[in-house]
Amino acid sequence: LFRSALSLANDSSYALTGGVYSRSPVNILAAQDGFDVGNLYINRPITGALVGRQPFGGHRLSGLGTKAGGEDYLSQFMVRRAISENTLRHGFAPAE
């Protein structure tokens, strides 16, 4: 019965948040391994993510990319670039 409910939940077009209440360690492990959501809450309400401490985001039609609040979140607003310098100089150029 639990696996059927999990399969039904995973068939959704959305995958932001999911919640499971269970006393069964087998069902809890099945949810941890198989509930395809961005944020999974077990035996607690599905609201109340800690801003700046708990990354929050989903996938499918619930969003994509780095989760807000995650350590990689800031980098999506930056332009990354690589700078390479040859440090094996031949000769010396005096300071101007």
PDB file of N, CA and C in Angstrom:
ATOM      1  N   LEU A   1       0.816  -1.194   0.000  1.00  0.00           N
ATOM      2  CA  LEU A   1       0.000   0.000   0.000  1.00  0.00           C
ATOM      3  C   LEU A   1       0.867   1.269   0.000  1.00  0.00           C
ATOM      4  N   PHE A   2       1.941   1.261   0.829  1.00  0.00           N
ATOM      5  CA  PHE A   2       2.810   2.439   0.889  1.00  0.00           C
ATOM      6  C   PHE A   2       3.498   2.674  -0.452  1.00  0.00           C
ATOM      7  N   ARG A   3       4.001   1.613  -1.060  1.00  0.00           N
ATOM      8  CA  ARG A   3       4.688   1.760  -2.354  1.00  0.00           C
ATOM      9  C   ARG A   3       3.730   2.257  -3.436  1.00  0.00           C
ATOM     10  N   SER A   4       2.475   1.863  -3.370  1.00  0.00           N
ATOM     11  CA  SER A   4       1.479   2.363  -4.329  1.00  0.00           C
ATOM     12  C   SER A   4       1.261   3.855  -4.150  1.00  0.00           C
ATOM     13  N   ALA A   5       1.197   4.298  -2.895  1.00  0.00           N
ATOM     14  CA  ALA A   5       1.028   5.730  -2.621  1.00  0.00           C
ATOM     15  C   ALA A   5       2.253   6.509  -3.086  1.00  0.00           C
ATOM     16  N   LEU A   6       3.434   5.964  -2.856  1.00  0.00           N
ATOM     17  CA  LEU A   6       4.675   6.610  -3.290  1.00  0.00           C
ATOM     18  C   LEU A   6       4.723   6.712  -4.815  1.00  0.00           C
ATOM     19  N   SER A   7       4.321   5.661  -5.493  1.00  0.00           N
ATOM     20  CA  SER A   7       4.282   5.670  -6.956  1.00  0.00           C
ATOM     21  C   SER A   7       3.290   6.710  -7.473  1.00  0.00           C
ATOM     22  N   LEU A   8       2.140   6.812  -6.839  1.00  0.00           N
ATOM     23  CA  LEU A   8       1.139   7.803  -7.221  1.00  0.00           C
ATOM     24  C   LEU A   8       1.681   9.220  -7.032  1.00  0.00           C
ATOM     25  N   ALA A   9       2.357   9.464  -5.922  1.00  0.00           N
ATOM     26  CA  ALA A   9       2.938  10.789  -5.666  1.00  0.00           C
ATOM     27  C   ALA A   9       4.022  11.114  -6.689  1.00  0.00           C
ATOM     28  N   ASN A  10       4.829  10.143  -7.052  1.00  0.00           N
ATOM     29  CA  ASN A  10       5.905  10.369  -8.019  1.00  0.00           C
ATOM     30  C   ASN A  10       5.393  10.561  -9.443  1.00  0.00           C
ATOM     31  N   ASP A  11       4.151  10.195  -9.709  1.00  0.00           N
ATOM     32  CA  ASP A  11       3.568  10.389 -11.041  1.00  0.00           C
ATOM     33  C   ASP A  11       3.128  11.829 -11.280  1.00  0.00           C
ATOM     34  N   SER A  12       3.228  12.675 -10.276  1.00  0.00           N
ATOM     35  CA  SER A  12       2.836  14.080 -10.404  1.00  0.00           C
ATOM     36  C   SER A  12       3.792  14.830 -11.329  1.00  0.00           C
ATOM     37  N   SER A  13       3.299  15.891 -11.927  1.00  0.00           N
ATOM     38  CA  SER A  13       4.152  16.745 -12.758  1.00  0.00           C
ATOM     39  C   SER A  13       4.996  17.688 -11.914  1.00  0.00           C
ATOM     40  N   TYR A  14       4.740  17.703 -10.622  1.00  0.00           N
ATOM     41  CA  TYR A  14       5.444  18.614  -9.717  1.00  0.00           C
ATOM     42  C   TYR A  14       6.307  17.820  -8.747  1.00  0.00           C
ATOM     43  N   ALA A  15       7.372  18.451  -8.260  1.00  0.00           N
ATOM     44  CA  ALA A  15       8.279  17.744  -7.353  1.00  0.00           C
ATOM     45  C   ALA A  15       8.981  18.724  -6.423  1.00  0.00           C
ATOM     46  N   LEU A  16       8.196  19.577  -5.763  1.00  0.00           N
ATOM     47  CA  LEU A  16       8.788  20.537  -4.840  1.00  0.00           C
ATOM     48  C   LEU A  16       8.951  19.926  -3.457  1.00  0.00           C
ATOM     49  N   THR A  17       7.853  19.566  -2.840  1.00  0.00           N
ATOM     50  CA  THR A  17       7.872  19.105  -1.455  1.00  0.00           C
ATOM     51  C   THR A  17       7.021  17.864  -1.300  1.00  0.00           C
ATOM     52  N   GLY A  18       7.486  16.949  -0.478  1.00  0.00           N
ATOM     53  CA  GLY A  18       6.709  15.768  -0.137  1.00  0.00           C
ATOM     54  C   GLY A  18       6.816  15.510   1.346  1.00  0.00           C
ATOM     55  N   GLY A  19       5.810  14.870   1.889  1.00  0.00           N
ATOM     56  CA  GLY A  19       5.818  14.551   3.307  1.00  0.00           C
ATOM     57  C   GLY A  19       5.319  13.151   3.562  1.00  0.00           C
ATOM     58  N   VAL A  20       5.910  12.509   4.559  1.00  0.00           N
ATOM     59  CA  VAL A  20       5.541  11.151   4.930  1.00  0.00           C
ATOM     60  C   VAL A  20       5.442  11.070   6.453  1.00  0.00           C
ATOM     61  N   TYR A  21       4.351  10.511   6.924  1.00  0.00           N
ATOM     62  CA  TYR A  21       4.222  10.168   8.338  1.00  0.00           C
ATOM     63  C   TYR A  21       4.173   8.652   8.421  1.00  0.00           C
ATOM     64  N   SER A  22       5.108   8.058   9.142  1.00  0.00           N
ATOM     65  CA  SER A  22       5.144   6.608   9.257  1.00  0.00           C
ATOM     66  C   SER A  22       5.936   6.202  10.491  1.00  0.00           C
ATOM     67  N   ARG A  23       5.544   5.085  11.068  1.00  0.00           N
ATOM     68  CA  ARG A  23       6.322   4.494  12.161  1.00  0.00           C
ATOM     69  C   ARG A  23       7.209   3.377  11.641  1.00  0.00           C
ATOM     70  N   SER A  24       7.021   3.015  10.402  1.00  0.00           N
ATOM     71  CA  SER A  24       7.745   1.886   9.821  1.00  0.00           C
ATOM     72  C   SER A  24       9.099   2.322   9.272  1.00  0.00           C
ATOM     73  N   PRO A  25      10.191   1.790   9.818  1.00  0.00           N
ATOM     74  CA  PRO A  25      11.511   2.111   9.267  1.00  0.00           C
ATOM     75  C   PRO A  25      11.643   1.711   7.795  1.00  0.00           C
ATOM     76  N   VAL A  26      10.964   0.659   7.386  1.00  0.00           N
ATOM     77  CA  VAL A  26      11.004   0.215   5.986  1.00  0.00           C
ATOM     78  C   VAL A  26      10.365   1.272   5.087  1.00  0.00           C
ATOM     79  N   ASN A  27       9.218   1.810   5.501  1.00  0.00           N
ATOM     80  CA  ASN A  27       8.547   2.839   4.705  1.00  0.00           C
ATOM     81  C   ASN A  27       9.337   4.146   4.694  1.00  0.00           C
ATOM     82  N   ILE A  28       9.925   4.495   5.821  1.00  0.00           N
ATOM     83  CA  ILE A  28      10.731   5.720   5.884  1.00  0.00           C
ATOM     84  C   ILE A  28      11.925   5.608   4.946  1.00  0.00           C
ATOM     85  N   LEU A  29      12.597   4.474   4.951  1.00  0.00           N
ATOM     86  CA  LEU A  29      13.731   4.265   4.045  1.00  0.00           C
ATOM     87  C   LEU A  29      13.273   4.282   2.588  1.00  0.00           C
ATOM     88  N   ALA A  30      12.111   3.692   2.314  1.00  0.00           N
ATOM     89  CA  ALA A  30      11.576   3.701   0.943  1.00  0.00           C
ATOM     90  C   ALA A  30      11.303   5.128   0.492  1.00  0.00           C
ATOM     91  N   ALA A  31      10.789   5.969   1.386  1.00  0.00           N
ATOM     92  CA  ALA A  31      10.546   7.374   1.041  1.00  0.00           C
ATOM     93  C   ALA A  31      11.860   8.102   0.803  1.00  0.00           C
ATOM     94  N   GLN A  32      12.845   7.878   1.658  1.00  0.00           N
ATOM     95  CA  GLN A  32      14.149   8.532   1.490  1.00  0.00           C
ATOM     96  C   GLN A  32      14.798   8.145   0.170  1.00  0.00           C
ATOM     97  N   ASP A  33      14.665   6.894  -0.200  1.00  0.00           N
ATOM     98  CA  ASP A  33      15.295   6.410  -1.432  1.00  0.00           C
ATOM     99  C   ASP A  33      14.467   6.687  -2.683  1.00  0.00           C
ATOM    100  N   GLY A  34      13.134   6.723  -2.544  1.00  0.00           N
ATOM    101  CA  GLY A  34      12.319   6.736  -3.745  1.00  0.00           C
ATOM    102  C   GLY A  34      11.345   7.878  -3.940  1.00  0.00           C
ATOM    103  N   PHE A  35      11.206   8.773  -2.964  1.00  0.00           N
ATOM    104  CA  PHE A  35      10.268   9.895  -3.127  1.00  0.00           C
ATOM    105  C   PHE A  35      11.006  10.983  -3.884  1.00  0.00           C
ATOM    106  N   ASP A  36      10.608  11.211  -5.130  1.00  0.00           N
ATOM    107  CA  ASP A  36      11.336  12.105  -6.034  1.00  0.00           C
ATOM    108  C   ASP A  36      10.859  13.547  -5.874  1.00  0.00           C
ATOM    109  N   VAL A  37      11.299  14.194  -4.799  1.00  0.00           N
ATOM    110  CA  VAL A  37      10.949  15.589  -4.519  1.00  0.00           C
ATOM    111  C   VAL A  37      12.209  16.351  -4.120  1.00  0.00           C
ATOM    112  N   GLY A  38      12.137  17.665  -4.221  1.00  0.00           N
ATOM    113  CA  GLY A  38      13.276  18.488  -3.834  1.00  0.00           C
ATOM    114  C   GLY A  38      13.455  18.585  -2.336  1.00  0.00           C
ATOM    115  N   ASN A  39      12.362  18.550  -1.591  1.00  0.00           N
ATOM    116  CA  ASN A  39      12.392  18.644  -0.133  1.00  0.00           C
ATOM    117  C   ASN A  39      11.471  17.580   0.438  1.00  0.00           C
ATOM    118  N   LEU A  40      12.032  16.700   1.231  1.00  0.00           N
ATOM    119  CA  LEU A  40      11.258  15.616   1.827  1.00  0.00           C
ATOM    120  C   LEU A  40      11.218  15.796   3.336  1.00  0.00           C
ATOM    121  N   TYR A  41      10.015  15.805   3.884  1.00  0.00           N
ATOM    122  CA  TYR A  41       9.815  15.944   5.325  1.00  0.00           C
ATOM    123  C   TYR A  41       9.240  14.633   5.853  1.00  0.00           C
ATOM    124  N   ILE A  42       9.856  14.095   6.883  1.00  0.00           N
ATOM    125  CA  ILE A  42       9.422  12.824   7.457  1.00  0.00           C
ATOM    126  C   ILE A  42       8.987  13.044   8.899  1.00  0.00           C
ATOM    127  N   ASN A  43       7.760  12.649   9.179  1.00  0.00           N
ATOM    128  CA  ASN A  43       7.175  12.757  10.520  1.00  0.00           C
ATOM    129  C   ASN A  43       7.224  14.172  11.077  1.00  0.00           C
ATOM    130  N   ARG A  44       6.975  15.143  10.213  1.00  0.00           N
ATOM    131  CA  ARG A  44       6.896  16.555  10.614  1.00  0.00           C
ATOM    132  C   ARG A  44       6.109  17.307   9.554  1.00  0.00           C
ATOM    133  N   PRO A  45       5.632  18.507   9.872  1.00  0.00           N
ATOM    134  CA  PRO A  45       4.894  19.289   8.871  1.00  0.00           C
ATOM    135  C   PRO A  45       5.777  19.632   7.664  1.00  0.00           C
ATOM    136  N   ILE A  46       5.134  19.845   6.516  1.00  0.00           N
ATOM    137  CA  ILE A  46       5.896  20.115   5.290  1.00  0.00           C
ATOM    138  C   ILE A  46       6.128  21.599   5.066  1.00  0.00           C
ATOM    139  N   THR A  47       5.933  22.398   6.078  1.00  0.00           N
ATOM    140  CA  THR A  47       6.243  23.826   5.995  1.00  0.00           C
ATOM    141  C   THR A  47       7.260  24.159   7.078  1.00  0.00           C
ATOM    142  N   GLY A  48       7.944  25.287   6.899  1.00  0.00           N
ATOM    143  CA  GLY A  48       8.868  25.727   7.939  1.00  0.00           C
ATOM    144  C   GLY A  48      10.329  25.501   7.622  1.00  0.00           C
ATOM    145  N   ALA A  49      10.693  25.499   6.342  1.00  0.00           N
ATOM    146  CA  ALA A  49      12.117  25.390   5.995  1.00  0.00           C
ATOM    147  C   ALA A  49      12.860  26.584   6.586  1.00  0.00           C
ATOM    148  N   LEU A  50      14.049  26.365   7.081  1.00  0.00           N
ATOM    149  CA  LEU A  50      14.844  27.424   7.694  1.00  0.00           C
ATOM    150  C   LEU A  50      15.596  28.196   6.617  1.00  0.00           C
ATOM    151  N   VAL A  51      15.234  29.453   6.430  1.00  0.00           N
ATOM    152  CA  VAL A  51      15.840  30.293   5.401  1.00  0.00           C
ATOM    153  C   VAL A  51      17.330  30.442   5.673  1.00  0.00           C
ATOM    154  N   GLY A  52      18.122  30.251   4.637  1.00  0.00           N
ATOM    155  CA  GLY A  52      19.569  30.381   4.754  1.00  0.00           C
ATOM    156  C   GLY A  52      20.252  29.167   5.349  1.00  0.00           C
ATOM    157  N   ARG A  53      19.498  28.202   5.820  1.00  0.00           N
ATOM    158  CA  ARG A  53      20.085  27.003   6.409  1.00  0.00           C
ATOM    159  C   ARG A  53      19.655  25.735   5.689  1.00  0.00           C
ATOM    160  N   GLN A  54      18.452  25.750   5.171  1.00  0.00           N
ATOM    161  CA  GLN A  54      17.905  24.572   4.526  1.00  0.00           C
ATOM    162  C   GLN A  54      17.574  24.924   3.080  1.00  0.00           C
ATOM    163  N   PRO A  55      18.340  24.408   2.129  1.00  0.00           N
ATOM    164  CA  PRO A  55      18.058  24.711   0.724  1.00  0.00           C
ATOM    165  C   PRO A  55      16.626  24.326   0.371  1.00  0.00           C
ATOM    166  N   PHE A  56      15.984  25.137  -0.467  1.00  0.00           N
ATOM    167  CA  PHE A  56      14.581  24.914  -0.792  1.00  0.00           C
ATOM    168  C   PHE A  56      14.379  25.036  -2.288  1.00  0.00           C
ATOM    169  N   GLY A  57      13.919  23.990  -2.914  1.00  0.00           N
ATOM    170  CA  GLY A  57      13.644  24.012  -4.340  1.00  0.00           C
ATOM    171  C   GLY A  57      13.235  22.638  -4.816  1.00  0.00           C
ATOM    172  N   GLY A  58      12.681  22.594  -6.008  1.00  0.00           N
ATOM    173  CA  GLY A  58      12.225  21.330  -6.556  1.00  0.00           C
ATOM    174  C   GLY A  58      12.686  21.159  -7.984  1.00  0.00           C
ATOM    175  N   HIS A  59      12.035  20.248  -8.675  1.00  0.00           N
ATOM    176  CA  HIS A  59      12.333  20.041 -10.088  1.00  0.00           C
ATOM    177  C   HIS A  59      11.043  19.672 -10.809  1.00  0.00           C
ATOM    178  N   ARG A  60      11.154  19.255 -12.032  1.00  0.00           N
ATOM    179  CA  ARG A  60      10.019  19.100 -12.951  1.00  0.00           C
ATOM    180  C   ARG A  60       9.327  20.452 -13.085  1.00  0.00           C
ATOM    181  N   LEU A  61       8.002  20.519 -12.963  1.00  0.00           N
ATOM    182  CA  LEU A  61       7.298  21.798 -13.103  1.00  0.00           C
ATOM    183  C   LEU A  61       7.387  22.655 -11.842  1.00  0.00           C
ATOM    184  N   SER A  62       8.088  22.177 -10.833  1.00  0.00           N
ATOM    185  CA  SER A  62       8.276  22.952  -9.595  1.00  0.00           C
ATOM    186  C   SER A  62       9.560  23.760  -9.617  1.00  0.00           C
ATOM    187  N   GLY A  63      10.262  23.761 -10.718  1.00  0.00           N
ATOM    188  CA  GLY A  63      11.484  24.553 -10.797  1.00  0.00           C
ATOM    189  C   GLY A  63      12.672  23.697 -11.160  1.00  0.00           C
ATOM    190  N   LEU A  64      13.760  24.388 -11.409  1.00  0.00           N
ATOM    191  CA  LEU A  64      14.990  23.692 -11.745  1.00  0.00           C
ATOM    192  C   LEU A  64      16.155  24.567 -11.329  1.00  0.00           C
ATOM    193  N   GLY A  65      17.316  24.016 -11.392  1.00  0.00           N
ATOM    194  CA  GLY A  65      18.496  24.782 -11.012  1.00  0.00           C
ATOM    195  C   GLY A  65      18.819  24.612  -9.539  1.00  0.00           C
ATOM    196  N   THR A  66      19.733  25.430  -9.087  1.00  0.00           N
ATOM    197  CA  THR A  66      20.206  25.359  -7.720  1.00  0.00           C
ATOM    198  C   THR A  66      19.112  25.782  -6.753  1.00  0.00           C
ATOM    199  N   LYS A  67      19.041  25.117  -5.642  1.00  0.00           N
ATOM    200  CA  LYS A  67      18.025  25.437  -4.646  1.00  0.00           C
ATOM    201  C   LYS A  67      18.323  26.753  -3.955  1.00  0.00           C
ATOM    202  N   ALA A  68      17.296  27.547  -3.747  1.00  0.00           N
ATOM    203  CA  ALA A  68      17.451  28.800  -3.008  1.00  0.00           C
ATOM    204  C   ALA A  68      17.936  28.484  -1.601  1.00  0.00           C
ATOM    205  N   GLY A  69      18.951  29.188  -1.167  1.00  0.00           N
ATOM    206  CA  GLY A  69      19.498  28.966   0.164  1.00  0.00           C
ATOM    207  C   GLY A  69      20.645  27.984   0.189  1.00  0.00           C
ATOM    208  N   GLY A  70      20.865  27.279  -0.902  1.00  0.00           N
ATOM    209  CA  GLY A  70      21.971  26.334  -0.955  1.00  0.00           C
ATOM    210  C   GLY A  70      23.289  27.038  -1.201  1.00  0.00           C
ATOM    211  N   GLU A  71      24.367  26.327  -0.962  1.00  0.00           N
ATOM    212  CA  GLU A  71      25.691  26.944  -1.078  1.00  0.00           C
ATOM    213  C   GLU A  71      26.044  27.343  -2.507  1.00  0.00           C
ATOM    214  N   ASP A  72      25.401  26.755  -3.494  1.00  0.00           N
ATOM    215  CA  ASP A  72      25.687  27.087  -4.888  1.00  0.00           C
ATOM    216  C   ASP A  72      24.724  28.128  -5.454  1.00  0.00           C
ATOM    217  N   TYR A  73      23.797  28.612  -4.653  1.00  0.00           N
ATOM    218  CA  TYR A  73      22.746  29.505  -5.146  1.00  0.00           C
ATOM    219  C   TYR A  73      23.303  30.810  -5.699  1.00  0.00           C
ATOM    220  N   LEU A  74      24.244  31.428  -5.011  1.00  0.00           N
ATOM    221  CA  LEU A  74      24.793  32.709  -5.439  1.00  0.00           C
ATOM    222  C   LEU A  74      25.475  32.600  -6.798  1.00  0.00           C
ATOM    223  N   SER A  75      26.111  31.488  -7.061  1.00  0.00           N
ATOM    224  CA  SER A  75      26.871  31.347  -8.306  1.00  0.00           C
ATOM    225  C   SER A  75      25.995  31.407  -9.551  1.00  0.00           C
ATOM    226  N   GLN A  76      24.702  31.132  -9.443  1.00  0.00           N
ATOM    227  CA  GLN A  76      23.850  31.204 -10.637  1.00  0.00           C
ATOM    228  C   GLN A  76      23.598  32.639 -11.072  1.00  0.00           C
ATOM    229  N   PHE A  77      23.933  33.614 -10.227  1.00  0.00           N
ATOM    230  CA  PHE A  77      23.793  35.022 -10.581  1.00  0.00           C
ATOM    231  C   PHE A  77      25.116  35.626 -11.032  1.00  0.00           C
ATOM    232  N   MET A  78      26.139  34.815 -11.123  1.00  0.00           N
ATOM    233  CA  MET A  78      27.468  35.305 -11.477  1.00  0.00           C
ATOM    234  C   MET A  78      27.863  34.785 -12.853  1.00  0.00           C
ATOM    235  N   VAL A  79      28.766  35.487 -13.494  1.00  0.00           N
ATOM    236  CA  VAL A  79      29.341  35.014 -14.743  1.00  0.00           C
ATOM    237  C   VAL A  79      30.696  34.419 -14.390  1.00  0.00           C
ATOM    238  N   ARG A  80      30.814  33.132 -14.574  1.00  0.00           N
ATOM    239  CA  ARG A  80      32.075  32.474 -14.245  1.00  0.00           C
ATOM    240  C   ARG A  80      33.056  32.649 -15.390  1.00  0.00           C
ATOM    241  N   ARG A  81      34.311  32.812 -15.046  1.00  0.00           N
ATOM    242  CA  ARG A  81      35.340  32.884 -16.072  1.00  0.00           C
ATOM    243  C   ARG A  81      36.619  32.296 -15.524  1.00  0.00           C
ATOM    244  N   ALA A  82      37.457  31.843 -16.420  1.00  0.00           N
ATOM    245  CA  ALA A  82      38.751  31.286 -16.043  1.00  0.00           C
ATOM    246  C   ALA A  82      39.840  32.207 -16.547  1.00  0.00           C
ATOM    247  N   ILE A  83      40.837  32.439 -15.724  1.00  0.00           N
ATOM    248  CA  ILE A  83      41.978  33.274 -16.101  1.00  0.00           C
ATOM    249  C   ILE A  83      43.223  32.422 -15.964  1.00  0.00           C
ATOM    250  N   SER A  84      44.001  32.372 -17.023  1.00  0.00           N
ATOM    251  CA  SER A  84      45.220  31.575 -17.037  1.00  0.00           C
ATOM    252  C   SER A  84      46.410  32.479 -17.303  1.00  0.00           C
ATOM    253  N   GLU A  85      47.460  32.333 -16.519  1.00  0.00           N
ATOM    254  CA  GLU A  85      48.664  33.152 -16.686  1.00  0.00           C
ATOM    255  C   GLU A  85      49.877  32.240 -16.763  1.00  0.00           C
ATOM    256  N   ASN A  86      50.736  32.524 -17.710  1.00  0.00           N
ATOM    257  CA  ASN A  86      52.002  31.807 -17.818  1.00  0.00           C
ATOM    258  C   ASN A  86      52.946  32.364 -16.759  1.00  0.00           C
ATOM    259  N   THR A  87      53.292  31.565 -15.800  1.00  0.00           N
ATOM    260  CA  THR A  87      54.159  32.035 -14.714  1.00  0.00           C
ATOM    261  C   THR A  87      55.627  31.723 -14.953  1.00  0.00           C
ATOM    262  N   LEU A  88      55.944  31.073 -16.053  1.00  0.00           N
ATOM    263  CA  LEU A  88      57.343  30.803 -16.400  1.00  0.00           C
ATOM    264  C   LEU A  88      57.813  31.900 -17.346  1.00  0.00           C
ATOM    265  N   ARG A  89      58.213  33.030 -16.774  1.00  0.00           N
ATOM    266  CA  ARG A  89      58.587  34.184 -17.580  1.00  0.00           C
ATOM    267  C   ARG A  89      60.026  34.059 -18.059  1.00  0.00           C
ATOM    268  N   HIS A  90      60.250  34.582 -19.241  1.00  0.00           N
ATOM    269  CA  HIS A  90      61.597  34.657 -19.806  1.00  0.00           C
ATOM    270  C   HIS A  90      61.957  36.128 -19.891  1.00  0.00           C
ATOM    271  N   GLY A  91      62.844  36.556 -19.042  1.00  0.00           N
ATOM    272  CA  GLY A  91      63.205  37.970 -19.020  1.00  0.00           C
ATOM    273  C   GLY A  91      62.392  38.698 -17.968  1.00  0.00           C
ATOM    274  N   PHE A  92      62.618  39.992 -17.909  1.00  0.00           N
ATOM    275  CA  PHE A  92      61.960  40.794 -16.886  1.00  0.00           C
ATOM    276  C   PHE A  92      61.477  42.082 -17.512  1.00  0.00           C
ATOM    277  N   ALA A  93      60.264  42.445 -17.233  1.00  0.00           N
ATOM    278  CA  ALA A  93      59.733  43.724 -17.703  1.00  0.00           C
ATOM    279  C   ALA A  93      59.661  44.642 -16.491  1.00  0.00           C
ATOM    280  N   PRO A  94      60.409  45.733 -16.500  1.00  0.00           N
ATOM    281  CA  PRO A  94      60.404  46.629 -15.340  1.00  0.00           C
ATOM    282  C   PRO A  94      59.050  47.299 -15.156  1.00  0.00           C
ATOM    283  N   ALA A  95      58.753  47.654 -13.915  1.00  0.00           N
ATOM    284  CA  ALA A  95      57.505  48.353 -13.604  1.00  0.00           C
ATOM    285  C   ALA A  95      57.510  49.711 -14.266  1.00  0.00           C
ATOM    286  N   GLU A  96      56.379  50.162 -14.731  1.00  0.00           N
ATOM    287  CA  GLU A  96      56.283  51.459 -15.397  1.00  0.00           C
ATOM    288  C   GLU A  96      56.137  52.577 -14.414  1.00  0.00           C
TER     289      GLU A  96
END
